N, C-alpha and C. Protein backbone atom coordinates (compact mmCIF):
# COMPACT_ATOMS: atom_id res chain seq x y z
N MET A 1 -2.28 6.28 -7.86
CA MET A 1 -3.74 6.42 -7.33
C MET A 1 -4.36 7.31 -8.12
N ARG A 2 -5.46 7.70 -7.90
CA ARG A 2 -5.97 9.18 -8.20
C ARG A 2 -6.73 9.74 -7.22
N LEU A 3 -6.82 10.69 -6.78
CA LEU A 3 -7.60 11.22 -5.71
C LEU A 3 -8.49 12.26 -6.67
N THR A 4 -10.00 12.01 -6.07
CA THR A 4 -10.98 12.73 -7.00
C THR A 4 -11.42 13.97 -5.62
N LEU A 5 -11.37 15.24 -6.14
CA LEU A 5 -11.87 16.13 -5.16
C LEU A 5 -12.88 17.12 -5.98
N GLY A 6 -14.22 16.67 -5.38
CA GLY A 6 -15.43 17.30 -6.00
C GLY A 6 -15.42 17.01 -7.46
N ASP A 7 -15.23 17.19 -8.86
CA ASP A 7 -15.01 16.16 -10.18
C ASP A 7 -14.20 16.36 -10.57
N VAL A 8 -13.00 16.88 -9.29
CA VAL A 8 -11.28 16.98 -10.44
C VAL A 8 -10.82 15.76 -9.80
N HIS A 9 -10.01 15.30 -10.78
CA HIS A 9 -8.98 13.71 -10.77
C HIS A 9 -7.63 14.66 -10.58
N HIS A 10 -7.06 14.23 -9.44
CA HIS A 10 -5.68 14.37 -9.31
C HIS A 10 -4.65 13.33 -9.13
N PRO A 11 -4.00 13.10 -9.73
CA PRO A 11 -2.57 11.89 -9.67
C PRO A 11 -2.31 11.88 -8.42
N ALA A 12 -1.76 10.97 -8.01
CA ALA A 12 -0.93 10.86 -6.39
C ALA A 12 -0.60 10.12 -6.12
N SER A 13 0.48 9.78 -5.03
CA SER A 13 1.03 8.69 -4.70
C SER A 13 1.39 8.90 -3.27
N ILE A 14 1.18 8.04 -2.09
CA ILE A 14 1.34 8.21 -0.57
C ILE A 14 2.62 6.96 -0.48
N MET A 15 3.79 7.68 0.14
CA MET A 15 4.68 6.42 0.34
C MET A 15 4.92 6.83 1.90
N ALA A 16 5.21 5.54 2.47
CA ALA A 16 5.52 5.71 3.98
C ALA A 16 6.89 6.25 4.05
N ASP A 17 6.97 6.77 4.75
CA ASP A 17 8.31 7.32 5.08
C ASP A 17 8.98 6.69 6.77
N GLY A 18 8.55 6.26 7.66
CA GLY A 18 8.75 6.19 8.74
C GLY A 18 7.34 5.69 8.96
N ALA A 19 7.16 5.44 10.67
CA ALA A 19 5.98 5.27 11.62
C ALA A 19 5.42 6.56 11.84
N GLY A 20 4.21 6.83 10.69
CA GLY A 20 3.76 7.64 10.82
C GLY A 20 4.07 8.73 10.21
N SER A 21 4.75 8.58 9.70
CA SER A 21 5.58 9.48 8.26
C SER A 21 5.71 9.24 6.96
N TYR A 22 4.44 10.06 5.98
CA TYR A 22 4.42 9.98 4.43
C TYR A 22 4.98 11.23 3.98
N LEU A 23 5.49 10.70 2.84
CA LEU A 23 5.72 11.59 1.58
C LEU A 23 4.60 11.40 0.47
N VAL A 24 3.61 12.20 0.28
CA VAL A 24 2.56 12.38 -0.67
C VAL A 24 3.03 13.44 -1.76
N ALA A 25 2.52 12.83 -2.76
CA ALA A 25 2.55 13.30 -4.22
C ALA A 25 1.72 13.65 -4.97
N VAL A 26 0.91 14.87 -5.40
CA VAL A 26 -0.22 15.44 -5.68
C VAL A 26 0.17 15.97 -7.17
N GLY A 27 0.40 15.89 -8.32
CA GLY A 27 0.55 16.20 -9.40
C GLY A 27 2.13 16.34 -9.36
N GLN A 28 2.72 17.42 -9.44
CA GLN A 28 4.14 17.97 -9.43
C GLN A 28 4.46 18.16 -7.78
N ASP A 29 3.48 18.59 -6.72
CA ASP A 29 3.71 18.87 -5.47
C ASP A 29 4.20 18.04 -4.94
N LYS A 30 4.76 17.80 -4.08
CA LYS A 30 5.42 17.06 -2.84
C LYS A 30 5.34 17.59 -1.18
N ILE A 31 4.77 16.79 -0.33
CA ILE A 31 4.46 17.31 0.71
C ILE A 31 4.75 16.05 1.80
N GLU A 32 5.37 16.39 3.18
CA GLU A 32 5.60 15.40 4.25
C GLU A 32 4.48 15.96 4.82
N ILE A 33 4.21 14.88 5.35
CA ILE A 33 2.93 14.62 6.28
C ILE A 33 3.64 13.61 7.48
N ALA A 34 3.32 13.95 8.72
CA ALA A 34 3.69 13.73 9.68
C ALA A 34 2.29 13.46 10.73
N VAL A 35 1.97 12.19 11.10
CA VAL A 35 0.66 12.32 12.33
C VAL A 35 1.15 12.04 13.08
N ALA A 36 0.92 12.83 14.29
CA ALA A 36 1.55 12.89 15.75
C ALA A 36 0.15 12.11 16.41
N GLU A 37 -0.95 12.30 16.35
CA GLU A 37 -2.10 11.77 17.19
C GLU A 37 -3.55 11.78 16.44
N ARG A 38 -3.75 10.65 16.60
CA ARG A 38 -5.22 10.69 15.86
C ARG A 38 -6.02 9.56 17.31
N GLY A 39 -6.94 10.33 16.99
CA GLY A 39 -8.23 9.85 17.77
C GLY A 39 -9.53 9.43 16.83
N ASP A 40 -10.89 9.55 17.58
CA ASP A 40 -11.89 9.02 17.26
C ASP A 40 -12.31 10.49 16.38
N GLY A 41 -12.18 10.64 15.17
CA GLY A 41 -12.88 11.31 14.48
C GLY A 41 -11.67 12.91 14.35
N ASN A 42 -10.39 12.89 15.11
CA ASN A 42 -9.66 13.94 14.82
C ASN A 42 -8.25 13.47 14.70
N VAL A 43 -7.52 14.46 14.11
CA VAL A 43 -5.94 14.04 13.86
C VAL A 43 -5.20 15.11 13.97
N ARG A 44 -3.89 15.12 14.71
CA ARG A 44 -3.16 16.17 14.93
C ARG A 44 -1.80 15.65 13.74
N PHE A 45 -1.43 16.91 12.94
CA PHE A 45 -0.16 16.06 12.15
C PHE A 45 0.42 17.42 12.14
N THR A 46 1.70 17.14 11.21
CA THR A 46 2.57 18.11 10.60
C THR A 46 2.73 18.15 9.68
N VAL A 47 2.69 19.29 8.47
CA VAL A 47 2.75 19.21 7.32
C VAL A 47 3.98 20.24 6.79
N SER A 48 4.97 19.79 6.58
CA SER A 48 6.13 20.46 5.87
C SER A 48 6.56 21.33 6.99
N GLY A 49 6.36 20.56 7.91
CA GLY A 49 6.54 21.71 9.37
C GLY A 49 6.25 22.08 10.09
N LEU A 50 4.52 22.61 9.59
CA LEU A 50 3.51 23.23 10.40
C LEU A 50 2.71 22.05 10.80
N GLN A 51 2.45 22.56 12.11
CA GLN A 51 1.78 21.61 12.72
C GLN A 51 0.25 22.02 12.94
N GLN A 52 -0.77 20.70 12.46
CA GLN A 52 -2.29 21.38 12.19
C GLN A 52 -3.21 19.78 13.00
N SER A 53 -4.09 20.81 12.97
CA SER A 53 -5.44 19.51 13.59
C SER A 53 -6.34 19.47 12.81
N ALA A 54 -6.87 18.38 12.31
CA ALA A 54 -8.28 18.51 11.54
C ALA A 54 -9.38 17.45 12.17
N ARG A 55 -10.85 17.52 11.70
CA ARG A 55 -11.55 16.59 12.27
C ARG A 55 -11.75 15.87 10.79
N PHE A 56 -12.18 14.37 11.19
CA PHE A 56 -12.24 13.94 9.71
C PHE A 56 -13.43 13.11 10.08
N ALA A 57 -14.10 12.55 8.80
CA ALA A 57 -15.00 11.17 8.88
C ALA A 57 -14.79 10.46 7.91
N LEU A 58 -14.83 9.01 7.58
CA LEU A 58 -14.77 8.00 6.33
C LEU A 58 -16.22 7.39 6.38
N SER A 59 -16.72 7.78 5.05
CA SER A 59 -18.00 7.32 4.86
C SER A 59 -18.35 6.60 3.32
N ASP A 60 -18.10 5.50 3.06
CA ASP A 60 -18.78 5.10 1.72
C ASP A 60 -17.05 5.14 0.90
N GLY A 61 -16.21 5.13 1.51
CA GLY A 61 -14.64 5.44 0.47
C GLY A 61 -14.83 6.94 0.43
N LEU A 62 -15.46 7.64 0.88
CA LEU A 62 -15.59 9.01 0.83
C LEU A 62 -14.54 9.86 2.25
N LEU A 63 -13.16 10.48 1.77
CA LEU A 63 -13.04 11.29 3.21
C LEU A 63 -13.44 12.71 3.48
N HIS A 64 -14.13 12.40 4.51
CA HIS A 64 -14.55 14.21 4.79
C HIS A 64 -13.14 14.65 5.55
N LEU A 65 -13.01 15.64 5.50
CA LEU A 65 -11.78 16.36 6.01
C LEU A 65 -12.49 17.58 6.44
N ASP A 66 -11.98 18.23 7.61
CA ASP A 66 -12.61 19.62 7.94
C ASP A 66 -11.26 20.23 8.65
N LEU A 67 -10.66 21.19 8.10
CA LEU A 67 -9.33 21.84 7.99
C LEU A 67 -9.33 23.14 8.64
N ASN A 68 -9.49 23.90 9.62
CA ASN A 68 -9.82 25.19 9.86
C ASN A 68 -11.05 25.77 9.62
N GLY A 69 -12.36 24.94 9.37
CA GLY A 69 -13.36 25.55 8.60
C GLY A 69 -13.57 25.35 7.23
N VAL A 70 -12.58 24.63 6.34
CA VAL A 70 -12.37 24.34 5.01
C VAL A 70 -12.67 22.88 5.07
N VAL A 71 -14.22 22.42 4.39
CA VAL A 71 -14.11 21.56 4.38
C VAL A 71 -13.92 20.51 2.74
N PHE A 72 -13.30 19.03 2.96
CA PHE A 72 -12.82 18.92 1.74
C PHE A 72 -13.74 17.45 1.78
N ALA A 73 -14.12 17.06 0.70
CA ALA A 73 -14.71 15.54 0.29
C ALA A 73 -13.62 14.81 -0.63
N VAL A 74 -13.03 13.53 -0.25
CA VAL A 74 -11.96 13.33 -0.94
C VAL A 74 -12.16 11.89 -1.35
N ARG A 75 -11.87 11.41 -2.55
CA ARG A 75 -12.25 10.11 -2.85
C ARG A 75 -11.06 9.63 -3.60
N ASP A 76 -10.62 7.94 -3.13
CA ASP A 76 -9.53 7.69 -4.46
C ASP A 76 -10.15 6.72 -5.01
N THR A 77 -10.11 7.11 -5.96
CA THR A 77 -10.52 6.64 -7.61
C THR A 77 -9.40 5.76 -8.06
N ALA A 78 -9.50 4.83 -7.56
CA ALA A 78 -8.84 3.66 -8.35
C ALA A 78 -8.88 3.68 -9.41
N LEU A 79 -7.60 3.55 -10.49
CA LEU A 79 -7.18 3.70 -11.76
C LEU A 79 -7.50 2.19 -12.46
N ASP A 80 -7.85 2.36 -13.34
CA ASP A 80 -8.17 1.00 -14.23
C ASP A 80 -6.84 0.48 -14.48
N ALA A 81 -6.22 -0.95 -14.29
CA ALA A 81 -5.38 -1.82 -14.25
C ALA A 81 -4.46 -1.77 -15.77
N SER A 82 -3.45 -1.66 -16.02
CA SER A 82 -3.08 -1.42 -17.43
C SER A 82 -3.70 -2.96 -17.76
N GLY A 83 -3.39 -3.04 -19.74
CA GLY A 83 -3.59 -4.04 -20.02
C GLY A 83 -1.87 -5.32 -19.54
N ALA A 84 -1.28 -4.69 -19.66
CA ALA A 84 -0.18 -5.51 -19.26
C ALA A 84 0.10 -6.26 -17.53
N GLU A 85 -0.70 -5.14 -16.74
CA GLU A 85 -0.72 -5.47 -15.66
C GLU A 85 -2.53 -6.68 -15.65
N ARG A 86 -3.18 -6.71 -16.10
CA ARG A 86 -4.07 -7.25 -16.13
C ARG A 86 -3.77 -9.06 -16.81
N ARG A 87 -3.02 -8.79 -17.64
CA ARG A 87 -2.08 -10.05 -18.01
C ARG A 87 -1.23 -10.99 -17.12
N ASP A 88 -0.77 -9.88 -16.18
CA ASP A 88 0.61 -10.42 -15.51
C ASP A 88 -0.37 -10.89 -14.28
N GLY A 89 -1.74 -10.99 -14.25
CA GLY A 89 -2.42 -12.15 -13.18
C GLY A 89 -1.84 -12.07 -11.50
N GLY A 90 -1.93 -10.66 -11.11
CA GLY A 90 -1.63 -11.10 -9.62
C GLY A 90 -0.50 -10.94 -9.34
N SER A 91 1.03 -10.53 -10.14
CA SER A 91 2.29 -10.67 -9.77
C SER A 91 2.87 -9.46 -8.94
N ARG A 92 1.64 -8.79 -8.23
CA ARG A 92 2.34 -7.58 -7.15
C ARG A 92 1.57 -7.80 -6.00
N LEU A 93 2.13 -7.92 -4.91
CA LEU A 93 1.15 -8.33 -3.63
C LEU A 93 1.49 -6.78 -3.07
N ILE A 94 0.24 -5.99 -3.07
CA ILE A 94 -0.27 -4.58 -2.60
C ILE A 94 -0.61 -4.66 -1.08
N ALA A 95 -0.17 -3.59 -0.29
CA ALA A 95 -0.74 -3.29 1.12
C ALA A 95 -2.07 -2.95 0.92
N PRO A 96 -3.31 -3.58 1.49
CA PRO A 96 -4.64 -3.25 1.29
C PRO A 96 -4.95 -2.43 2.16
N MET A 97 -4.20 -1.60 3.09
CA MET A 97 -4.54 -0.70 4.36
C MET A 97 -2.84 -0.34 4.93
N ASN A 98 -2.93 0.79 5.71
CA ASN A 98 -1.48 1.03 6.25
C ASN A 98 -1.39 0.06 7.58
N GLY A 99 -0.19 -0.23 7.88
CA GLY A 99 -0.22 -1.07 8.96
C GLY A 99 1.57 -1.35 9.36
N ALA A 100 1.65 -2.44 9.56
CA ALA A 100 2.97 -2.51 10.26
C ALA A 100 3.22 -4.17 9.80
N ILE A 101 4.32 -4.57 9.14
CA ILE A 101 4.77 -5.78 8.60
C ILE A 101 5.25 -6.55 9.63
N ILE A 102 4.26 -7.64 10.24
CA ILE A 102 4.67 -8.60 11.20
C ILE A 102 5.30 -9.75 10.95
N ALA A 103 5.64 -10.29 9.23
CA ALA A 103 6.65 -11.40 8.45
C ALA A 103 6.17 -11.33 7.61
N VAL A 104 7.59 -11.79 6.85
CA VAL A 104 7.40 -11.89 5.23
C VAL A 104 8.00 -13.39 5.03
N HIS A 105 7.05 -14.10 4.81
CA HIS A 105 7.03 -15.95 4.52
C HIS A 105 7.74 -16.09 3.46
N ALA A 106 8.39 -15.26 2.55
CA ALA A 106 9.23 -15.94 1.11
C ALA A 106 10.22 -14.90 1.29
N GLN A 107 11.40 -15.61 0.37
CA GLN A 107 12.55 -14.63 -0.02
C GLN A 107 12.74 -14.89 -1.46
N VAL A 108 13.63 -13.64 -2.19
CA VAL A 108 13.64 -13.76 -3.41
C VAL A 108 14.01 -15.35 -3.82
N GLY A 109 13.84 -15.46 -5.13
CA GLY A 109 13.76 -17.07 -5.34
C GLY A 109 12.98 -18.00 -4.92
N ASP A 110 12.43 -17.91 -3.73
CA ASP A 110 11.08 -18.66 -3.57
C ASP A 110 10.13 -18.76 -4.48
N ARG A 111 9.75 -20.47 -4.30
CA ARG A 111 8.51 -20.30 -5.61
C ARG A 111 7.20 -20.44 -4.62
N VAL A 112 6.20 -19.46 -4.73
CA VAL A 112 4.80 -19.59 -4.09
C VAL A 112 4.01 -19.96 -4.86
N ALA A 113 3.00 -20.90 -4.25
CA ALA A 113 1.72 -21.40 -5.10
C ALA A 113 0.47 -20.34 -4.64
N LYS A 114 -0.48 -20.29 -5.89
CA LYS A 114 -1.70 -19.21 -4.96
C LYS A 114 -2.33 -19.51 -3.99
N GLY A 115 -2.54 -18.56 -3.84
CA GLY A 115 -3.32 -18.90 -2.19
C GLY A 115 -2.25 -19.07 -0.92
N GLN A 116 -0.93 -19.10 -0.99
CA GLN A 116 -0.32 -19.25 -0.07
C GLN A 116 0.05 -17.60 0.37
N PRO A 117 0.04 -17.48 2.00
CA PRO A 117 0.37 -16.61 2.60
C PRO A 117 2.13 -16.13 2.77
N VAL A 118 1.92 -14.95 2.30
CA VAL A 118 3.60 -14.06 1.60
C VAL A 118 3.95 -12.97 2.57
N VAL A 119 3.26 -12.56 3.21
CA VAL A 119 3.20 -11.21 3.99
C VAL A 119 2.43 -11.24 5.38
N VAL A 120 2.27 -10.88 6.26
CA VAL A 120 1.29 -10.58 7.20
C VAL A 120 1.38 -9.34 7.70
N LEU A 121 0.74 -8.39 7.85
CA LEU A 121 0.22 -6.96 8.13
C LEU A 121 -0.30 -6.75 9.03
N GLU A 122 -0.12 -6.17 10.22
CA GLU A 122 -1.12 -5.70 11.32
C GLU A 122 -1.57 -4.49 11.11
N ALA A 123 -2.98 -4.47 11.21
CA ALA A 123 -3.66 -3.32 11.27
C ALA A 123 -4.67 -3.12 12.18
N MET A 124 -4.89 -2.04 12.90
CA MET A 124 -6.33 -2.36 14.10
C MET A 124 -6.05 -3.21 14.93
N LYS A 125 -4.86 -3.40 15.27
CA LYS A 125 -4.46 -4.57 16.22
C LYS A 125 -5.07 -5.89 15.55
N MET A 126 -5.27 -5.96 14.64
CA MET A 126 -5.58 -7.18 13.68
C MET A 126 -4.20 -7.67 12.66
N GLN A 127 -4.22 -9.25 12.61
CA GLN A 127 -3.05 -9.68 11.52
C GLN A 127 -3.86 -10.07 10.32
N HIS A 128 -3.25 -9.24 9.31
CA HIS A 128 -4.11 -9.91 7.69
C HIS A 128 -3.29 -10.48 6.96
N GLU A 129 -3.37 -11.55 6.44
CA GLU A 129 -2.44 -12.06 5.48
C GLU A 129 -2.57 -12.06 4.23
N ILE A 130 -1.56 -11.59 3.45
CA ILE A 130 -1.68 -11.19 2.19
C ILE A 130 -1.07 -12.35 1.70
N ALA A 131 -1.70 -13.17 0.63
CA ALA A 131 -1.48 -14.12 -0.02
C ALA A 131 -0.91 -13.94 -1.87
N ALA A 132 -0.23 -14.75 -1.95
CA ALA A 132 -0.11 -14.91 -3.57
C ALA A 132 -1.17 -15.14 -4.41
N GLU A 133 -1.62 -14.24 -5.67
CA GLU A 133 -2.80 -14.50 -6.21
C GLU A 133 -2.65 -15.37 -7.29
N ARG A 134 -1.02 -16.07 -7.49
CA ARG A 134 -0.97 -16.70 -8.73
C ARG A 134 0.25 -17.89 -8.48
N ASP A 135 0.48 -18.69 -9.17
CA ASP A 135 1.74 -19.18 -8.78
C ASP A 135 2.98 -18.72 -9.34
N GLY A 136 4.20 -18.43 -8.83
CA GLY A 136 5.16 -17.77 -9.60
C GLY A 136 6.17 -18.00 -8.22
N VAL A 137 7.32 -17.03 -8.46
CA VAL A 137 8.91 -17.00 -8.25
C VAL A 137 8.81 -15.43 -7.67
N VAL A 138 9.25 -15.41 -6.35
CA VAL A 138 9.71 -14.14 -5.58
C VAL A 138 10.50 -13.42 -6.59
N ASP A 139 10.16 -12.28 -6.98
CA ASP A 139 11.34 -11.62 -7.65
C ASP A 139 11.77 -10.67 -6.92
N LYS A 140 11.09 -9.50 -5.77
CA LYS A 140 11.44 -8.73 -5.14
C LYS A 140 10.76 -8.63 -4.10
N VAL A 141 11.21 -8.46 -2.89
CA VAL A 141 11.21 -7.95 -1.49
C VAL A 141 11.25 -7.12 -1.08
N LEU A 142 10.06 -5.78 -0.72
CA LEU A 142 10.57 -4.45 -0.97
C LEU A 142 10.42 -4.27 0.38
N ILE A 143 9.63 -5.04 1.16
CA ILE A 143 9.71 -4.78 2.66
C ILE A 143 10.44 -5.68 3.79
N LYS A 144 10.36 -5.14 5.18
CA LYS A 144 10.96 -6.34 6.36
C LYS A 144 9.90 -6.07 7.26
N PRO A 145 10.16 -6.95 8.18
CA PRO A 145 9.11 -7.36 9.42
C PRO A 145 9.41 -5.84 10.39
N GLY A 146 8.58 -4.97 10.81
CA GLY A 146 8.79 -3.91 11.69
C GLY A 146 8.60 -2.73 10.38
N ASP A 147 8.81 -3.01 9.38
CA ASP A 147 8.11 -1.71 8.38
C ASP A 147 6.85 -1.35 8.51
N GLN A 148 6.51 0.00 8.40
CA GLN A 148 5.55 0.52 8.36
C GLN A 148 4.96 0.86 6.91
N VAL A 149 3.87 0.53 6.42
CA VAL A 149 3.63 0.50 5.22
C VAL A 149 2.32 1.29 4.67
N ALA A 150 2.06 1.57 3.64
CA ALA A 150 1.00 2.78 3.43
C ALA A 150 -0.13 1.48 2.58
N THR A 151 -1.26 2.12 2.09
CA THR A 151 -2.47 1.30 2.01
C THR A 151 -1.83 1.41 0.26
N ARG A 152 -1.81 0.29 -0.45
CA ARG A 152 -1.68 0.26 -1.97
C ARG A 152 0.34 -0.16 -2.09
N GLN A 153 0.67 0.15 -1.33
CA GLN A 153 2.07 0.14 -1.24
C GLN A 153 2.88 -1.44 -1.97
N LEU A 154 3.51 -1.66 -2.41
CA LEU A 154 4.23 -2.24 -3.30
C LEU A 154 4.93 -3.25 -2.46
N LEU A 155 4.53 -4.42 -1.87
CA LEU A 155 5.23 -5.33 -0.59
C LEU A 155 6.24 -6.22 -1.50
N VAL A 156 5.79 -7.22 -2.28
CA VAL A 156 6.35 -8.14 -3.15
C VAL A 156 5.93 -7.93 -4.37
N GLN A 157 7.18 -8.22 -5.34
CA GLN A 157 6.97 -8.45 -6.91
C GLN A 157 7.94 -10.17 -7.06
N LEU A 158 6.02 -10.56 -7.78
CA LEU A 158 6.39 -12.08 -8.40
C LEU A 158 6.71 -12.10 -9.55
N LYS A 159 7.50 -12.86 -10.42
CA LYS A 159 7.72 -13.54 -11.76
C LYS A 159 7.08 -14.70 -11.89
N GLN A 160 6.96 -15.07 -13.44
CA GLN A 160 6.39 -16.27 -13.81
C GLN A 160 8.04 -17.05 -13.71
N GLN A 161 7.68 -18.48 -13.76
CA GLN A 161 8.97 -19.21 -13.60
C GLN A 161 8.77 -20.20 -15.11
N ASP A 162 9.97 -19.61 -16.05
CA ASP A 162 9.89 -20.71 -17.41
C ASP A 162 9.79 -22.32 -16.96
N ASP A 163 9.41 -22.89 -17.78
CA ASP A 163 9.22 -24.69 -17.54
C ASP A 163 10.64 -24.74 -17.34
N GLY A 164 11.65 -24.45 -18.27
CA GLY A 164 13.25 -24.80 -18.21
C GLY A 164 13.48 -24.59 -16.98
N ALA A 165 13.71 -23.34 -16.50
CA ALA A 165 13.96 -22.90 -14.85
C ALA A 165 13.02 -23.86 -14.07
N ARG A 166 11.94 -24.19 -13.80
CA ARG A 166 11.12 -24.90 -13.08
C ARG A 166 11.44 -26.36 -13.28
N GLN A 167 11.86 -26.67 -14.02
CA GLN A 167 12.60 -28.41 -14.31
C GLN A 167 13.96 -28.52 -13.23
N ARG A 168 14.42 -27.46 -13.82
CA ARG A 168 16.06 -27.34 -12.90
C ARG A 168 15.90 -26.98 -11.57
N ALA A 169 15.09 -26.30 -11.20
CA ALA A 169 14.55 -26.10 -9.74
C ALA A 169 14.24 -27.32 -8.87
N GLU A 170 13.56 -28.46 -9.93
CA GLU A 170 13.05 -29.65 -8.94
C GLU A 170 13.87 -30.74 -9.22
N GLU A 171 14.92 -30.67 -10.28
CA GLU A 171 16.08 -31.55 -10.28
C GLU A 171 17.17 -31.45 -9.38
N THR A 172 17.42 -29.86 -8.43
CA THR A 172 18.41 -30.00 -7.92
C THR A 172 17.50 -30.07 -6.46
N ARG A 173 16.24 -30.52 -6.19
CA ARG A 173 15.93 -30.77 -4.66
C ARG A 173 16.02 -32.12 -4.27
């Protein structure tokens, strides 16, 4: 992803590293963040071993963060998909938000159809089904029930099944 701070763009990645724990990379810098408590507009967290508190507000995709009187406004600026990703037609199932994996309805090698629910993610006390965006075969399953995931984390990778493999699979049924 790319974070925009003011008019400056920074390449960044956020990876869940356990419940409420994240590894954040911005450029060449890597930071460990653990969220201790989050309430209405307030968050208490640890950054590389130092506990801090901040006030926050999210409005129109812009995160306003007040950290000890220093105010930041940060926007997640989505990067355009590469040509290969656009041609791929939705072969990656990505977490739309932070949450917990409740169920995984497919295993490596399973055929899935466009619109078929593959993963169930619980966030904000609601269950969200993440469905395949195209027909394909499950190539990788990178999560399991109980895992905590971050927004835009890769959950499942699909691959296309060639006609010969498809025909062989149908013959063995």
